[in-house]
């Protein structure tokens, strides 16, 4: 699991038109892409596939109501841990939040826990 500070983009910047999300209970399952949090377009290969490492996450805890352009703390489960794709998901890493090719938010990892303690 990781703790992060997350900001959703407004629809005018490509964000979700509806922020009525449940950021707890592992029901919201987007991807994060570690890198420049100011990126606003997905990098695609010539055959229109993602050219970026998409890390599957599920939100375990977060606020019950969300507004765009407001930073919120959240806890995410790393869906396929211990896959090496998560090696870059460490404290201080910045990321964009993805729903398919759409970049709907951005954030920074503040703490990585639980999985690191497992054998």
C-alpha atoms as a PDB file:
ATOM      1  CA  UNK A   1       0.000   0.000   0.000  1.00  0.00           C
ATOM      2  CA  UNK A   2       1.041   3.580  -0.506  1.00  0.00           C
ATOM      3  CA  UNK A   3      -0.130   6.879   0.886  1.00  0.00           C
ATOM      4  CA  UNK A   4      -0.238   9.767  -1.548  1.00  0.00           C
ATOM      5  CA  UNK A   5      -1.418  13.329  -1.913  1.00  0.00           C
ATOM      6  CA  UNK A   6      -3.725  13.437  -4.916  1.00  0.00           C
ATOM      7  CA  UNK A   7      -5.329  16.240  -6.928  1.00  0.00           C
ATOM      8  CA  UNK A   8      -8.072  15.647  -9.486  1.00  0.00           C
ATOM      9  CA  UNK A   9      -8.125  17.832 -12.586  1.00  0.00           C
ATOM     10  CA  UNK A  10     -11.189  19.873 -13.550  1.00  0.00           C
ATOM     11  CA  UNK A  11     -13.032  18.822 -16.720  1.00  0.00           C
ATOM     12  CA  UNK A  12     -11.596  21.840 -18.549  1.00  0.00           C
ATOM     13  CA  UNK A  13      -8.123  20.270 -18.152  1.00  0.00           C
ATOM     14  CA  UNK A  14      -9.200  16.755 -19.138  1.00  0.00           C
ATOM     15  CA  UNK A  15     -10.435  15.638 -15.724  1.00  0.00           C
ATOM     16  CA  UNK A  16     -13.532  13.614 -14.991  1.00  0.00           C
ATOM     17  CA  UNK A  17     -16.853  15.379 -15.621  1.00  0.00           C
ATOM     18  CA  UNK A  18     -18.182  13.766 -12.421  1.00  0.00           C
ATOM     19  CA  UNK A  19     -16.110  13.486  -9.243  1.00  0.00           C
ATOM     20  CA  UNK A  20     -18.694  11.437  -7.385  1.00  0.00           C
ATOM     21  CA  UNK A  21     -16.125   8.730  -6.607  1.00  0.00           C
ATOM     22  CA  UNK A  22     -15.738   6.386  -3.694  1.00  0.00           C
ATOM     23  CA  UNK A  23     -12.072   6.554  -2.698  1.00  0.00           C
ATOM     24  CA  UNK A  24     -12.363   3.736  -0.171  1.00  0.00           C
ATOM     25  CA  UNK A  25     -13.249   0.074  -0.239  1.00  0.00           C
ATOM     26  CA  UNK A  26     -11.024  -0.736  -3.246  1.00  0.00           C
ATOM     27  CA  UNK A  27     -13.812   0.003  -5.757  1.00  0.00           C
ATOM     28  CA  UNK A  28     -12.064   2.820  -7.704  1.00  0.00           C
ATOM     29  CA  UNK A  29      -9.288   1.144  -9.736  1.00  0.00           C
ATOM     30  CA  UNK A  30      -7.426   3.494 -12.054  1.00  0.00           C
ATOM     31  CA  UNK A  31      -3.718   3.418 -12.956  1.00  0.00           C
ATOM     32  CA  UNK A  32      -0.856   5.652 -11.965  1.00  0.00           C
ATOM     33  CA  UNK A  33       2.109   6.496 -14.192  1.00  0.00           C
ATOM     34  CA  UNK A  34       5.202   7.576 -12.305  1.00  0.00           C
ATOM     35  CA  UNK A  35       6.719  10.676 -13.875  1.00  0.00           C
ATOM     36  CA  UNK A  36       6.081  14.343 -14.536  1.00  0.00           C
ATOM     37  CA  UNK A  37       2.867  15.326 -12.779  1.00  0.00           C
ATOM     38  CA  UNK A  38       2.355  18.240 -15.197  1.00  0.00           C
ATOM     39  CA  UNK A  39       1.924  15.818 -18.138  1.00  0.00           C
ATOM     40  CA  UNK A  40      -1.571  16.086 -19.638  1.00  0.00           C
ATOM     41  CA  UNK A  41      -1.432  13.698 -22.613  1.00  0.00           C
ATOM     42  CA  UNK A  42      -0.734   9.977 -22.594  1.00  0.00           C
ATOM     43  CA  UNK A  43       2.270   8.783 -24.586  1.00  0.00           C
ATOM     44  CA  UNK A  44       1.154   6.273 -27.189  1.00  0.00           C
ATOM     45  CA  UNK A  45       3.129   3.987 -29.484  1.00  0.00           C
ATOM     46  CA  UNK A  46       2.502   4.111 -33.261  1.00  0.00           C
ATOM     47  CA  UNK A  47      -0.046   1.296 -32.861  1.00  0.00           C
ATOM     48  CA  UNK A  48      -1.972   3.421 -30.299  1.00  0.00           C
ATOM     49  CA  UNK A  49      -0.932   1.411 -27.237  1.00  0.00           C
ATOM     50  CA  UNK A  50       0.400   2.952 -24.072  1.00  0.00           C
ATOM     51  CA  UNK A  51       4.132   3.660 -24.207  1.00  0.00           C
ATOM     52  CA  UNK A  52       4.204   4.192 -20.435  1.00  0.00           C
ATOM     53  CA  UNK A  53       4.354   1.861 -17.431  1.00  0.00           C
ATOM     54  CA  UNK A  54       0.789   1.762 -16.132  1.00  0.00           C
ATOM     55  CA  UNK A  55       0.653   0.719 -12.464  1.00  0.00           C
ATOM     56  CA  UNK A  56      -2.720  -0.658 -11.401  1.00  0.00           C
ATOM     57  CA  UNK A  57      -3.976   0.672  -8.074  1.00  0.00           C
ATOM     58  CA  UNK A  58      -7.150   0.413  -6.005  1.00  0.00           C
ATOM     59  CA  UNK A  59      -8.137   3.149  -3.569  1.00  0.00           C
ATOM     60  CA  UNK A  60      -8.371   1.833  -0.023  1.00  0.00           C
ATOM     61  CA  UNK A  61      -9.009   5.108   1.813  1.00  0.00           C
ATOM     62  CA  UNK A  62      -9.651   8.710   0.897  1.00  0.00           C
ATOM     63  CA  UNK A  63     -12.067  11.594   1.277  1.00  0.00           C
ATOM     64  CA  UNK A  64     -15.796  11.040   0.849  1.00  0.00           C
ATOM     65  CA  UNK A  65     -16.196  14.160  -1.307  1.00  0.00           C
ATOM     66  CA  UNK A  66     -13.785  15.496  -3.916  1.00  0.00           C
ATOM     67  CA  UNK A  67     -13.386  18.858  -5.609  1.00  0.00           C
ATOM     68  CA  UNK A  68     -11.048  19.504  -8.536  1.00  0.00           C
ATOM     69  CA  UNK A  69      -7.758  21.333  -7.920  1.00  0.00           C
ATOM     70  CA  UNK A  70      -7.749  20.409  -4.215  1.00  0.00           C
ATOM     71  CA  UNK A  71      -5.019  18.125  -2.820  1.00  0.00           C
ATOM     72  CA  UNK A  72      -6.330  15.188  -0.771  1.00  0.00           C
ATOM     73  CA  UNK A  73      -4.577  12.404   1.129  1.00  0.00           C
ATOM     74  CA  UNK A  74      -5.401   8.911  -0.078  1.00  0.00           C
ATOM     75  CA  UNK A  75      -4.233   5.337   0.425  1.00  0.00           C
ATOM     76  CA  UNK A  76      -3.859   3.048  -2.578  1.00  0.00           C
ATOM     77  CA  UNK A  77      -3.264  -0.672  -2.828  1.00  0.00           C
ATOM     78  CA  UNK A  78      -0.721  -1.741  -5.445  1.00  0.00           C
ATOM     79  CA  UNK A  79      -2.862  -4.229  -7.373  1.00  0.00           C
ATOM     80  CA  UNK A  80      -0.144  -6.525  -8.692  1.00  0.00           C
ATOM     81  CA  UNK A  81       2.560  -6.103  -6.047  1.00  0.00           C
ATOM     82  CA  UNK A  82       5.301  -7.433  -5.903  1.00  0.00           C
ATOM     83  CA  UNK A  83       5.547  -7.005  -9.693  1.00  0.00           C
ATOM     84  CA  UNK A  84       8.697  -4.998 -10.577  1.00  0.00           C
ATOM     85  CA  UNK A  85       6.553  -2.327 -12.275  1.00  0.00           C
ATOM     86  CA  UNK A  86       6.026  -0.909  -8.768  1.00  0.00           C
ATOM     87  CA  UNK A  87       9.739  -0.443  -8.026  1.00  0.00           C
ATOM     88  CA  UNK A  88       9.475   3.272  -8.895  1.00  0.00           C
ATOM     89  CA  UNK A  89       6.413   3.816  -6.664  1.00  0.00           C
ATOM     90  CA  UNK A  90       8.372   5.169  -3.701  1.00  0.00           C
ATOM     91  CA  UNK A  91       8.086   8.180  -1.374  1.00  0.00           C
ATOM     92  CA  UNK A  92       8.749  11.390  -3.276  1.00  0.00           C
ATOM     93  CA  UNK A  93       7.776   9.924  -6.670  1.00  0.00           C
ATOM     94  CA  UNK A  94       5.284  12.022  -8.621  1.00  0.00           C
ATOM     95  CA  UNK A  95       2.655  10.501 -10.877  1.00  0.00           C
ATOM     96  CA  UNK A  96      -0.357  11.115 -13.058  1.00  0.00           C
ATOM     97  CA  UNK A  97      -3.652   9.341 -12.402  1.00  0.00           C
ATOM     98  CA  UNK A  98      -5.076   7.578 -15.461  1.00  0.00           C
ATOM     99  CA  UNK A  99      -8.392   6.223 -16.605  1.00  0.00           C
ATOM    100  CA  UNK A 100      -7.365   4.555 -19.821  1.00  0.00           C
ATOM    101  CA  UNK A 101      -5.508   7.183 -21.857  1.00  0.00           C
ATOM    102  CA  UNK A 102      -7.194  10.046 -19.968  1.00  0.00           C
ATOM    103  CA  UNK A 103      -5.116  11.849 -17.347  1.00  0.00           C
ATOM    104  CA  UNK A 104      -7.622  12.763 -14.641  1.00  0.00           C
ATOM    105  CA  UNK A 105      -5.315  13.786 -11.806  1.00  0.00           C
ATOM    106  CA  UNK A 106      -1.821  13.860 -10.388  1.00  0.00           C
ATOM    107  CA  UNK A 107      -0.047  13.344  -7.106  1.00  0.00           C
ATOM    108  CA  UNK A 108       2.982  12.404  -5.069  1.00  0.00           C
ATOM    109  CA  UNK A 109       3.717   9.273  -3.050  1.00  0.00           C
ATOM    110  CA  UNK A 110       4.217  10.175   0.613  1.00  0.00           C
ATOM    111  CA  UNK A 111       4.679   6.711   2.152  1.00  0.00           C
ATOM    112  CA  UNK A 112       4.984   3.108   1.055  1.00  0.00           C
ATOM    113  CA  UNK A 113       4.021   0.554   3.673  1.00  0.00           C
ATOM    114  CA  UNK A 114       2.748  -2.928   4.503  1.00  0.00           C
ATOM    115  CA  UNK A 115       4.082  -4.697   1.389  1.00  0.00           C
ATOM    116  CA  UNK A 116       7.662  -3.660   2.173  1.00  0.00           C
ATOM    117  CA  UNK A 117       7.329  -5.388   5.539  1.00  0.00           C
ATOM    118  CA  UNK A 118       6.218  -8.713   4.043  1.00  0.00           C
ATOM    119  CA  UNK A 119       8.791 -11.493   3.495  1.00  0.00           C
END
